[in-house]
Amino acid sequence: MSILVPEGIQLSLPFKRSIQHHIDLIPGVVQPNKPAYGMNPMDTQRQVEELLAKGMVRESLSPCVTSALLVPKKHGSMRICVKSGAANKITIKYRHLIPRLGNMLN
């Protein structure tokens, strides 16, 4: 099964910006190492290679790993499911939310 991409969708990732998003982790906490979903390794490898070749994903520099899975929808396109509960437990919870860009520009 090939990954279907709708017409008009940008087939590459945006360029790296001078400011990158960063999530602070609790110091000294062991990072979760959860097993991946029970999916055929050949399908997983094929999906990753196809997305890398299209330029839609790139290697992560994050020290924390979360499980991600591409699931086919009824009409044939793919939906990504990310299981990030274990990673959420080790992030530093800040009192103030990140401001919205629109509010900052006003």
PDB file of N, CA and C in Angstrom:
ATOM      1  N   MET A   1       0.838  -1.168   0.000  1.00  0.00           N
ATOM      2  CA  MET A   1       0.000   0.000   0.000  1.00  0.00           C
ATOM      3  C   MET A   1       0.888   1.239   0.000  1.00  0.00           C
ATOM      4  N   SER A   2       0.615   2.135  -0.905  1.00  0.00           N
ATOM      5  CA  SER A   2       1.385   3.370  -1.023  1.00  0.00           C
ATOM      6  C   SER A   2       0.705   4.479  -0.226  1.00  0.00           C
ATOM      7  N   ILE A   3       1.493   5.417   0.249  1.00  0.00           N
ATOM      8  CA  ILE A   3       0.958   6.543   1.012  1.00  0.00           C
ATOM      9  C   ILE A   3       0.421   7.578   0.032  1.00  0.00           C
ATOM     10  N   LEU A   4      -0.873   7.903   0.165  1.00  0.00           N
ATOM     11  CA  LEU A   4      -1.513   8.870  -0.722  1.00  0.00           C
ATOM     12  C   LEU A   4      -1.372  10.269  -0.143  1.00  0.00           C
ATOM     13  N   VAL A   5      -0.964  11.211  -0.984  1.00  0.00           N
ATOM     14  CA  VAL A   5      -0.812  12.601  -0.562  1.00  0.00           C
ATOM     15  C   VAL A   5      -1.771  13.440  -1.392  1.00  0.00           C
ATOM     16  N   PRO A   6      -2.669  14.212  -0.750  1.00  0.00           N
ATOM     17  CA  PRO A   6      -3.619  15.032  -1.502  1.00  0.00           C
ATOM     18  C   PRO A   6      -2.911  16.072  -2.373  1.00  0.00           C
ATOM     19  N   GLU A   7      -3.587  16.458  -3.450  1.00  0.00           N
ATOM     20  CA  GLU A   7      -3.051  17.485  -4.352  1.00  0.00           C
ATOM     21  C   GLU A   7      -2.875  18.804  -3.613  1.00  0.00           C
ATOM     22  N   GLY A   8      -1.838  19.542  -3.924  1.00  0.00           N
ATOM     23  CA  GLY A   8      -1.613  20.853  -3.335  1.00  0.00           C
ATOM     24  C   GLY A   8      -0.896  20.820  -2.000  1.00  0.00           C
ATOM     25  N   ILE A   9      -0.551  19.646  -1.500  1.00  0.00           N
ATOM     26  CA  ILE A   9       0.162  19.535  -0.225  1.00  0.00           C
ATOM     27  C   ILE A   9       1.653  19.656  -0.501  1.00  0.00           C
ATOM     28  N   GLN A  10       2.329  20.449   0.314  1.00  0.00           N
ATOM     29  CA  GLN A  10       3.774  20.615   0.179  1.00  0.00           C
ATOM     30  C   GLN A  10       4.452  19.282   0.481  1.00  0.00           C
ATOM     31  N   LEU A  11       5.296  18.808  -0.419  1.00  0.00           N
ATOM     32  CA  LEU A  11       5.924  17.503  -0.264  1.00  0.00           C
ATOM     33  C   LEU A  11       7.308  17.580   0.350  1.00  0.00           C
ATOM     34  N   SER A  12       7.592  18.640   1.067  1.00  0.00           N
ATOM     35  CA  SER A  12       8.884  18.725   1.738  1.00  0.00           C
ATOM     36  C   SER A  12       8.693  19.459   3.061  1.00  0.00           C
ATOM     37  N   LEU A  13       9.625  19.247   3.954  1.00  0.00           N
ATOM     38  CA  LEU A  13       9.575  19.923   5.245  1.00  0.00           C
ATOM     39  C   LEU A  13      10.059  21.360   5.090  1.00  0.00           C
ATOM     40  N   PRO A  14       9.617  22.267   5.944  1.00  0.00           N
ATOM     41  CA  PRO A  14      10.105  23.643   5.872  1.00  0.00           C
ATOM     42  C   PRO A  14      11.587  23.702   6.246  1.00  0.00           C
ATOM     43  N   PHE A  15      12.254  24.754   5.817  1.00  0.00           N
ATOM     44  CA  PHE A  15      13.675  24.913   6.127  1.00  0.00           C
ATOM     45  C   PHE A  15      13.867  25.099   7.626  1.00  0.00           C
ATOM     46  N   LYS A  16      15.068  24.816   8.114  1.00  0.00           N
ATOM     47  CA  LYS A  16      15.374  25.002   9.542  1.00  0.00           C
ATOM     48  C   LYS A  16      15.445  26.493   9.827  1.00  0.00           C
ATOM     49  N   ARG A  17      14.792  26.895  10.877  1.00  0.00           N
ATOM     50  CA  ARG A  17      14.776  28.307  11.265  1.00  0.00           C
ATOM     51  C   ARG A  17      15.835  28.564  12.324  1.00  0.00           C
ATOM     52  N   SER A  18      16.134  29.824  12.585  1.00  0.00           N
ATOM     53  CA  SER A  18      17.169  30.156  13.559  1.00  0.00           C
ATOM     54  C   SER A  18      16.723  29.830  14.979  1.00  0.00           C
ATOM     55  N   ILE A  19      15.404  29.832  15.226  1.00  0.00           N
ATOM     56  CA  ILE A  19      14.871  29.476  16.536  1.00  0.00           C
ATOM     57  C   ILE A  19      14.111  28.163  16.386  1.00  0.00           C
ATOM     58  N   GLN A  20      14.510  27.157  17.137  1.00  0.00           N
ATOM     59  CA  GLN A  20      13.866  25.850  17.086  1.00  0.00           C
ATOM     60  C   GLN A  20      13.061  25.624  18.360  1.00  0.00           C
ATOM     61  N   HIS A  21      11.953  24.919  18.228  1.00  0.00           N
ATOM     62  CA  HIS A  21      11.106  24.586  19.381  1.00  0.00           C
ATOM     63  C   HIS A  21      11.868  23.624  20.283  1.00  0.00           C
ATOM     64  N   HIS A  22      11.728  23.793  21.595  1.00  0.00           N
ATOM     65  CA  HIS A  22      12.435  22.951  22.553  1.00  0.00           C
ATOM     66  C   HIS A  22      11.507  22.627  23.713  1.00  0.00           C
ATOM     67  N   ILE A  23      11.464  21.370  24.114  1.00  0.00           N
ATOM     68  CA  ILE A  23      10.667  20.947  25.263  1.00  0.00           C
ATOM     69  C   ILE A  23      11.633  20.557  26.369  1.00  0.00           C
ATOM     70  N   ASP A  24      11.481  21.193  27.541  1.00  0.00           N
ATOM     71  CA  ASP A  24      12.364  20.911  28.673  1.00  0.00           C
ATOM     72  C   ASP A  24      11.906  19.659  29.396  1.00  0.00           C
ATOM     73  N   LEU A  25      12.859  18.745  29.652  1.00  0.00           N
ATOM     74  CA  LEU A  25      12.571  17.513  30.372  1.00  0.00           C
ATOM     75  C   LEU A  25      13.031  17.651  31.818  1.00  0.00           C
ATOM     76  N   ILE A  26      12.384  16.925  32.720  1.00  0.00           N
ATOM     77  CA  ILE A  26      12.755  16.937  34.126  1.00  0.00           C
ATOM     78  C   ILE A  26      14.164  16.362  34.249  1.00  0.00           C
ATOM     79  N   PRO A  27      15.109  17.091  34.874  1.00  0.00           N
ATOM     80  CA  PRO A  27      16.487  16.611  34.973  1.00  0.00           C
ATOM     81  C   PRO A  27      16.585  15.316  35.782  1.00  0.00           C
ATOM     82  N   GLY A  28      17.404  14.394  35.321  1.00  0.00           N
ATOM     83  CA  GLY A  28      17.673  13.155  36.037  1.00  0.00           C
ATOM     84  C   GLY A  28      16.633  12.065  35.874  1.00  0.00           C
ATOM     85  N   VAL A  29      15.542  12.332  35.164  1.00  0.00           N
ATOM     86  CA  VAL A  29      14.502  11.324  34.977  1.00  0.00           C
ATOM     87  C   VAL A  29      14.896  10.416  33.810  1.00  0.00           C
ATOM     88  N   VAL A  30      14.703   9.116  33.999  1.00  0.00           N
ATOM     89  CA  VAL A  30      15.000   8.161  32.934  1.00  0.00           C
ATOM     90  C   VAL A  30      13.966   8.332  31.826  1.00  0.00           C
ATOM     91  N   GLN A  31      14.447   8.456  30.613  1.00  0.00           N
ATOM     92  CA  GLN A  31      13.539   8.641  29.486  1.00  0.00           C
ATOM     93  C   GLN A  31      12.837   7.339  29.157  1.00  0.00           C
ATOM     94  N   PRO A  32      11.564   7.422  28.788  1.00  0.00           N
ATOM     95  CA  PRO A  32      10.808   6.195  28.509  1.00  0.00           C
ATOM     96  C   PRO A  32      11.345   5.478  27.279  1.00  0.00           C
ATOM     97  N   ASN A  33      11.394   4.191  27.365  1.00  0.00           N
ATOM     98  CA  ASN A  33      11.823   3.369  26.243  1.00  0.00           C
ATOM     99  C   ASN A  33      10.743   2.322  26.033  1.00  0.00           C
ATOM    100  N   LYS A  34       9.677   2.739  25.390  1.00  0.00           N
ATOM    101  CA  LYS A  34       8.522   1.877  25.190  1.00  0.00           C
ATOM    102  C   LYS A  34       8.652   1.132  23.865  1.00  0.00           C
ATOM    103  N   PRO A  35       8.170  -0.113  23.816  1.00  0.00           N
ATOM    104  CA  PRO A  35       8.220  -0.845  22.551  1.00  0.00           C
ATOM    105  C   PRO A  35       7.278  -0.225  21.530  1.00  0.00           C
ATOM    106  N   ALA A  36       7.624  -0.393  20.270  1.00  0.00           N
ATOM    107  CA  ALA A  36       6.790   0.134  19.183  1.00  0.00           C
ATOM    108  C   ALA A  36       5.519  -0.696  19.079  1.00  0.00           C
ATOM    109  N   TYR A  37       4.554  -0.169  18.334  1.00  0.00           N
ATOM    110  CA  TYR A  37       3.322  -0.906  18.099  1.00  0.00           C
ATOM    111  C   TYR A  37       3.637  -2.220  17.389  1.00  0.00           C
ATOM    112  N   GLY A  38       2.778  -3.209  17.582  1.00  0.00           N
ATOM    113  CA  GLY A  38       2.964  -4.497  16.914  1.00  0.00           C
ATOM    114  C   GLY A  38       2.613  -4.399  15.445  1.00  0.00           C
ATOM    115  N   MET A  39       3.542  -3.907  14.662  1.00  0.00           N
ATOM    116  CA  MET A  39       3.321  -3.740  13.225  1.00  0.00           C
ATOM    117  C   MET A  39       4.403  -4.497  12.486  1.00  0.00           C
ATOM    118  N   ASN A  40       4.084  -4.973  11.343  1.00  0.00           N
ATOM    119  CA  ASN A  40       5.035  -5.700  10.523  1.00  0.00           C
ATOM    120  C   ASN A  40       6.268  -4.823  10.267  1.00  0.00           C
ATOM    121  N   PRO A  41       7.476  -5.273  10.661  1.00  0.00           N
ATOM    122  CA  PRO A  41       8.681  -4.453  10.476  1.00  0.00           C
ATOM    123  C   PRO A  41       8.941  -4.070   9.020  1.00  0.00           C
ATOM    124  N   MET A  42       8.565  -4.935   8.095  1.00  0.00           N
ATOM    125  CA  MET A  42       8.766  -4.617   6.672  1.00  0.00           C
ATOM    126  C   MET A  42       7.872  -3.453   6.246  1.00  0.00           C
ATOM    127  N   ASP A  43       6.619  -3.427   6.738  1.00  0.00           N
ATOM    128  CA  ASP A  43       5.711  -2.319   6.417  1.00  0.00           C
ATOM    129  C   ASP A  43       6.223  -1.014   7.018  1.00  0.00           C
ATOM    130  N   THR A  44       6.691  -1.100   8.260  1.00  0.00           N
ATOM    131  CA  THR A  44       7.210   0.086   8.931  1.00  0.00           C
ATOM    132  C   THR A  44       8.402   0.648   8.172  1.00  0.00           C
ATOM    133  N   GLN A  45       9.343  -0.206   7.817  1.00  0.00           N
ATOM    134  CA  GLN A  45      10.538   0.229   7.094  1.00  0.00           C
ATOM    135  C   GLN A  45      10.172   0.832   5.745  1.00  0.00           C
ATOM    136  N   ARG A  46       9.216   0.205   5.047  1.00  0.00           N
ATOM    137  CA  ARG A  46       8.794   0.707   3.739  1.00  0.00           C
ATOM    138  C   ARG A  46       8.162   2.091   3.875  1.00  0.00           C
ATOM    139  N   GLN A  47       7.307   2.279   4.913  1.00  0.00           N
ATOM    140  CA  GLN A  47       6.656   3.571   5.117  1.00  0.00           C
ATOM    141  C   GLN A  47       7.691   4.654   5.414  1.00  0.00           C
ATOM    142  N   VAL A  48       8.644   4.345   6.281  1.00  0.00           N
ATOM    143  CA  VAL A  48       9.663   5.330   6.639  1.00  0.00           C
ATOM    144  C   VAL A  48      10.501   5.692   5.426  1.00  0.00           C
ATOM    145  N   GLU A  49      10.938   4.702   4.652  1.00  0.00           N
ATOM    146  CA  GLU A  49      11.745   4.971   3.456  1.00  0.00           C
ATOM    147  C   GLU A  49      10.982   5.800   2.442  1.00  0.00           C
ATOM    148  N   GLU A  50       9.688   5.506   2.273  1.00  0.00           N
ATOM    149  CA  GLU A  50       8.868   6.254   1.320  1.00  0.00           C
ATOM    150  C   GLU A  50       8.718   7.714   1.756  1.00  0.00           C
ATOM    151  N   LEU A  51       8.473   7.934   3.050  1.00  0.00           N
ATOM    152  CA  LEU A  51       8.319   9.302   3.553  1.00  0.00           C
ATOM    153  C   LEU A  51       9.640  10.064   3.518  1.00  0.00           C
ATOM    154  N   LEU A  52      10.754   9.394   3.783  1.00  0.00           N
ATOM    155  CA  LEU A  52      12.069  10.039   3.677  1.00  0.00           C
ATOM    156  C   LEU A  52      12.360  10.439   2.232  1.00  0.00           C
ATOM    157  N   ALA A  53      12.051   9.541   1.299  1.00  0.00           N
ATOM    158  CA  ALA A  53      12.295   9.818  -0.114  1.00  0.00           C
ATOM    159  C   ALA A  53      11.459  10.999  -0.607  1.00  0.00           C
ATOM    160  N   LYS A  54      10.230  11.140  -0.090  1.00  0.00           N
ATOM    161  CA  LYS A  54       9.365  12.261  -0.478  1.00  0.00           C
ATOM    162  C   LYS A  54       9.749  13.552   0.232  1.00  0.00           C
ATOM    163  N   GLY A  55      10.639  13.464   1.242  1.00  0.00           N
ATOM    164  CA  GLY A  55      11.030  14.660   1.980  1.00  0.00           C
ATOM    165  C   GLY A  55       9.994  15.105   2.993  1.00  0.00           C
ATOM    166  N   MET A  56       9.079  14.218   3.380  1.00  0.00           N
ATOM    167  CA  MET A  56       8.009  14.585   4.303  1.00  0.00           C
ATOM    168  C   MET A  56       8.388  14.364   5.760  1.00  0.00           C
ATOM    169  N   VAL A  57       9.452  13.631   6.022  1.00  0.00           N
ATOM    170  CA  VAL A  57       9.963  13.422   7.377  1.00  0.00           C
ATOM    171  C   VAL A  57      11.475  13.549   7.336  1.00  0.00           C
ATOM    172  N   ARG A  58      12.069  13.768   8.499  1.00  0.00           N
ATOM    173  CA  ARG A  58      13.520  13.772   8.612  1.00  0.00           C
ATOM    174  C   ARG A  58      13.904  13.148   9.941  1.00  0.00           C
ATOM    175  N   GLU A  59      15.165  12.809  10.094  1.00  0.00           N
ATOM    176  CA  GLU A  59      15.633  12.181  11.310  1.00  0.00           C
ATOM    177  C   GLU A  59      15.445  13.129  12.486  1.00  0.00           C
ATOM    178  N   SER A  60      14.955  12.597  13.581  1.00  0.00           N
ATOM    179  CA  SER A  60      14.712  13.408  14.765  1.00  0.00           C
ATOM    180  C   SER A  60      15.984  13.571  15.581  1.00  0.00           C
ATOM    181  N   LEU A  61      16.167  14.750  16.140  1.00  0.00           N
ATOM    182  CA  LEU A  61      17.288  15.013  17.031  1.00  0.00           C
ATOM    183  C   LEU A  61      16.850  14.977  18.488  1.00  0.00           C
ATOM    184  N   SER A  62      15.608  14.601  18.734  1.00  0.00           N
ATOM    185  CA  SER A  62      15.055  14.573  20.077  1.00  0.00           C
ATOM    186  C   SER A  62      15.650  13.434  20.888  1.00  0.00           C
ATOM    187  N   PRO A  63      15.962  13.687  22.174  1.00  0.00           N
ATOM    188  CA  PRO A  63      16.468  12.609  23.017  1.00  0.00           C
ATOM    189  C   PRO A  63      15.360  11.658  23.475  1.00  0.00           C
ATOM    190  N   CYS A  64      14.116  12.030  23.274  1.00  0.00           N
ATOM    191  CA  CYS A  64      12.982  11.238  23.739  1.00  0.00           C
ATOM    192  C   CYS A  64      12.272  10.600  22.541  1.00  0.00           C
ATOM    193  N   VAL A  65      11.849   9.374  22.698  1.00  0.00           N
ATOM    194  CA  VAL A  65      11.209   8.641  21.612  1.00  0.00           C
ATOM    195  C   VAL A  65       9.744   8.388  21.958  1.00  0.00           C
ATOM    196  N   THR A  66       8.872   8.597  20.988  1.00  0.00           N
ATOM    197  CA  THR A  66       7.472   8.228  21.143  1.00  0.00           C
ATOM    198  C   THR A  66       7.092   7.340  19.972  1.00  0.00           C
ATOM    199  N   SER A  67       6.135   6.478  20.207  1.00  0.00           N
ATOM    200  CA  SER A  67       5.682   5.580  19.145  1.00  0.00           C
ATOM    201  C   SER A  67       4.796   6.350  18.179  1.00  0.00           C
ATOM    202  N   ALA A  68       5.012   6.149  16.897  1.00  0.00           N
ATOM    203  CA  ALA A  68       4.174   6.760  15.868  1.00  0.00           C
ATOM    204  C   ALA A  68       3.800   5.678  14.870  1.00  0.00           C
ATOM    205  N   LEU A  69       2.584   5.752  14.385  1.00  0.00           N
ATOM    206  CA  LEU A  69       2.067   4.728  13.507  1.00  0.00           C
ATOM    207  C   LEU A  69       1.211   5.389  12.439  1.00  0.00           C
ATOM    208  N   LEU A  70       1.373   4.980  11.191  1.00  0.00           N
ATOM    209  CA  LEU A  70       0.516   5.456  10.107  1.00  0.00           C
ATOM    210  C   LEU A  70      -0.605   4.439   9.917  1.00  0.00           C
ATOM    211  N   VAL A  71      -1.842   4.912   9.996  1.00  0.00           N
ATOM    212  CA  VAL A  71      -3.012   4.046   9.907  1.00  0.00           C
ATOM    213  C   VAL A  71      -3.825   4.454   8.681  1.00  0.00           C
ATOM    214  N   PRO A  72      -4.225   3.492   7.845  1.00  0.00           N
ATOM    215  CA  PRO A  72      -5.024   3.854   6.668  1.00  0.00           C
ATOM    216  C   PRO A  72      -6.445   4.245   7.065  1.00  0.00           C
ATOM    217  N   LYS A  73      -6.947   5.311   6.421  1.00  0.00           N
ATOM    218  CA  LYS A  73      -8.330   5.731   6.609  1.00  0.00           C
ATOM    219  C   LYS A  73      -9.221   4.955   5.641  1.00  0.00           C
ATOM    220  N   LYS A  74     -10.545   5.112   5.771  1.00  0.00           N
ATOM    221  CA  LYS A  74     -11.487   4.383   4.911  1.00  0.00           C
ATOM    222  C   LYS A  74     -11.280   4.686   3.433  1.00  0.00           C
ATOM    223  N   HIS A  75     -10.980   5.961   3.109  1.00  0.00           N
ATOM    224  CA  HIS A  75     -10.856   6.356   1.713  1.00  0.00           C
ATOM    225  C   HIS A  75      -9.441   6.171   1.161  1.00  0.00           C
ATOM    226  N   GLY A  76      -8.525   5.567   1.941  1.00  0.00           N
ATOM    227  CA  GLY A  76      -7.205   5.215   1.414  1.00  0.00           C
ATOM    228  C   GLY A  76      -6.054   6.081   1.856  1.00  0.00           C
ATOM    229  N   SER A  77      -6.316   7.304   2.330  1.00  0.00           N
ATOM    230  CA  SER A  77      -5.211   8.137   2.788  1.00  0.00           C
ATOM    231  C   SER A  77      -4.739   7.652   4.156  1.00  0.00           C
ATOM    232  N   MET A  78      -3.638   8.191   4.637  1.00  0.00           N
ATOM    233  CA  MET A  78      -3.064   7.729   5.894  1.00  0.00           C
ATOM    234  C   MET A  78      -3.268   8.771   6.997  1.00  0.00           C
ATOM    235  N   ARG A  79      -3.387   8.297   8.245  1.00  0.00           N
ATOM    236  CA  ARG A  79      -3.521   9.143   9.420  1.00  0.00           C
ATOM    237  C   ARG A  79      -2.417   8.740  10.381  1.00  0.00           C
ATOM    238  N   ILE A  80      -1.740   9.724  11.002  1.00  0.00           N
ATOM    239  CA  ILE A  80      -0.674   9.409  11.940  1.00  0.00           C
ATOM    240  C   ILE A  80      -1.234   9.375  13.363  1.00  0.00           C
ATOM    241  N   CYS A  81      -0.853   8.354  14.108  1.00  0.00           N
ATOM    242  CA  CYS A  81      -1.237   8.210  15.511  1.00  0.00           C
ATOM    243  C   CYS A  81       0.053   8.227  16.329  1.00  0.00           C
ATOM    244  N   VAL A  82       0.128   9.124  17.303  1.00  0.00           N
ATOM    245  CA  VAL A  82       1.317   9.256  18.142  1.00  0.00           C
ATOM    246  C   VAL A  82       0.943   8.972  19.580  1.00  0.00           C
ATOM    247  N   LYS A  83       1.683   8.098  20.214  1.00  0.00           N
ATOM    248  CA  LYS A  83       1.443   7.739  21.614  1.00  0.00           C
ATOM    249  C   LYS A  83       2.508   8.443  22.451  1.00  0.00           C
ATOM    250  N   SER A  84       2.147   9.609  23.015  1.00  0.00           N
ATOM    251  CA  SER A  84       3.143  10.435  23.697  1.00  0.00           C
ATOM    252  C   SER A  84       2.904  10.567  25.199  1.00  0.00           C
ATOM    253  N   GLY A  85       2.074   9.720  25.777  1.00  0.00           N
ATOM    254  CA  GLY A  85       1.762   9.804  27.203  1.00  0.00           C
ATOM    255  C   GLY A  85       2.984   9.660  28.095  1.00  0.00           C
ATOM    256  N   ALA A  86       3.879   8.708  27.778  1.00  0.00           N
ATOM    257  CA  ALA A  86       5.073   8.491  28.597  1.00  0.00           C
ATOM    258  C   ALA A  86       6.007   9.701  28.531  1.00  0.00           C
ATOM    259  N   ALA A  87       6.130  10.307  27.354  1.00  0.00           N
ATOM    260  CA  ALA A  87       6.987  11.490  27.213  1.00  0.00           C
ATOM    261  C   ALA A  87       6.375  12.688  27.932  1.00  0.00           C
ATOM    262  N   ASN A  88       5.047  12.798  27.916  1.00  0.00           N
ATOM    263  CA  ASN A  88       4.383  13.909  28.603  1.00  0.00           C
ATOM    264  C   ASN A  88       4.629  13.882  30.102  1.00  0.00           C
ATOM    265  N   LYS A  89       4.797  12.678  30.660  1.00  0.00           N
ATOM    266  CA  LYS A  89       5.000  12.543  32.100  1.00  0.00           C
ATOM    267  C   LYS A  89       6.353  13.091  32.556  1.00  0.00           C
ATOM    268  N   ILE A  90       7.339  13.178  31.658  1.00  0.00           N
ATOM    269  CA  ILE A  90       8.676  13.629  32.060  1.00  0.00           C
ATOM    270  C   ILE A  90       9.000  15.042  31.587  1.00  0.00           C
ATOM    271  N   THR A  91       8.014  15.751  31.045  1.00  0.00           N
ATOM    272  CA  THR A  91       8.253  17.136  30.634  1.00  0.00           C
ATOM    273  C   THR A  91       7.973  18.080  31.797  1.00  0.00           C
ATOM    274  N   ILE A  92       8.686  19.189  31.820  1.00  0.00           N
ATOM    275  CA  ILE A  92       8.476  20.205  32.844  1.00  0.00           C
ATOM    276  C   ILE A  92       7.186  20.951  32.513  1.00  0.00           C
ATOM    277  N   LYS A  93       6.290  21.010  33.468  1.00  0.00           N
ATOM    278  CA  LYS A  93       5.009  21.708  33.285  1.00  0.00           C
ATOM    279  C   LYS A  93       5.187  23.155  33.728  1.00  0.00           C
ATOM    280  N   TYR A  94       5.043  24.073  32.796  1.00  0.00           N
ATOM    281  CA  TYR A  94       5.192  25.484  33.110  1.00  0.00           C
ATOM    282  C   TYR A  94       3.856  26.087  33.512  1.00  0.00           C
ATOM    283  N   ARG A  95       3.923  27.097  34.334  1.00  0.00           N
ATOM    284  CA  ARG A  95       2.711  27.737  34.844  1.00  0.00           C
ATOM    285  C   ARG A  95       1.984  28.508  33.743  1.00  0.00           C
ATOM    286  N   HIS A  96       2.735  29.093  32.807  1.00  0.00           N
ATOM    287  CA  HIS A  96       2.130  29.911  31.759  1.00  0.00           C
ATOM    288  C   HIS A  96       2.232  29.188  30.425  1.00  0.00           C
ATOM    289  N   LEU A  97       1.163  29.270  29.662  1.00  0.00           N
ATOM    290  CA  LEU A  97       1.151  28.667  28.341  1.00  0.00           C
ATOM    291  C   LEU A  97       2.000  29.484  27.379  1.00  0.00           C
ATOM    292  N   ILE A  98       2.423  28.839  26.313  1.00  0.00           N
ATOM    293  CA  ILE A  98       3.150  29.546  25.258  1.00  0.00           C
ATOM    294  C   ILE A  98       2.165  30.489  24.575  1.00  0.00           C
ATOM    295  N   PRO A  99       2.514  31.775  24.438  1.00  0.00           N
ATOM    296  CA  PRO A  99       1.568  32.726  23.820  1.00  0.00           C
ATOM    297  C   PRO A  99       1.352  32.427  22.341  1.00  0.00           C
ATOM    298  N   ARG A 100       0.154  32.725  21.867  1.00  0.00           N
ATOM    299  CA  ARG A 100      -0.149  32.553  20.452  1.00  0.00           C
ATOM    300  C   ARG A 100       0.535  33.639  19.647  1.00  0.00           C
ATOM    301  N   LEU A 101       1.018  33.296  18.471  1.00  0.00           N
ATOM    302  CA  LEU A 101       1.741  34.249  17.628  1.00  0.00           C
ATOM    303  C   LEU A 101       0.884  35.458  17.284  1.00  0.00           C
ATOM    304  N   GLY A 102      -0.388  35.242  16.997  1.00  0.00           N
ATOM    305  CA  GLY A 102      -1.281  36.354  16.674  1.00  0.00           C
ATOM    306  C   GLY A 102      -1.397  37.358  17.809  1.00  0.00           C
ATOM    307  N   ASN A 103      -1.469  36.846  19.038  1.00  0.00           N
ATOM    308  CA  ASN A 103      -1.541  37.746  20.192  1.00  0.00           C
ATOM    309  C   ASN A 103      -0.245  38.518  20.387  1.00  0.00           C
ATOM    310  N   MET A 104       0.891  37.881  20.120  1.00  0.00           N
ATOM    311  CA  MET A 104       2.185  38.547  20.285  1.00  0.00           C
ATOM    312  C   MET A 104       2.369  39.660  19.263  1.00  0.00           C
ATOM    313  N   LEU A 105       1.851  39.457  18.047  1.00  0.00           N
ATOM    314  CA  LEU A 105       2.021  40.463  17.001  1.00  0.00           C
ATOM    315  C   LEU A 105       1.100  41.660  17.188  1.00  0.00           C
ATOM    316  N   ASN A 106      -0.002  41.466  17.922  1.00  0.00           N
ATOM    317  CA  ASN A 106      -0.950  42.576  18.164  1.00  0.00           C
ATOM    318  C   ASN A 106      -0.367  43.506  19.123  1.00  0.00           C
TER     319      ASN A 106
END
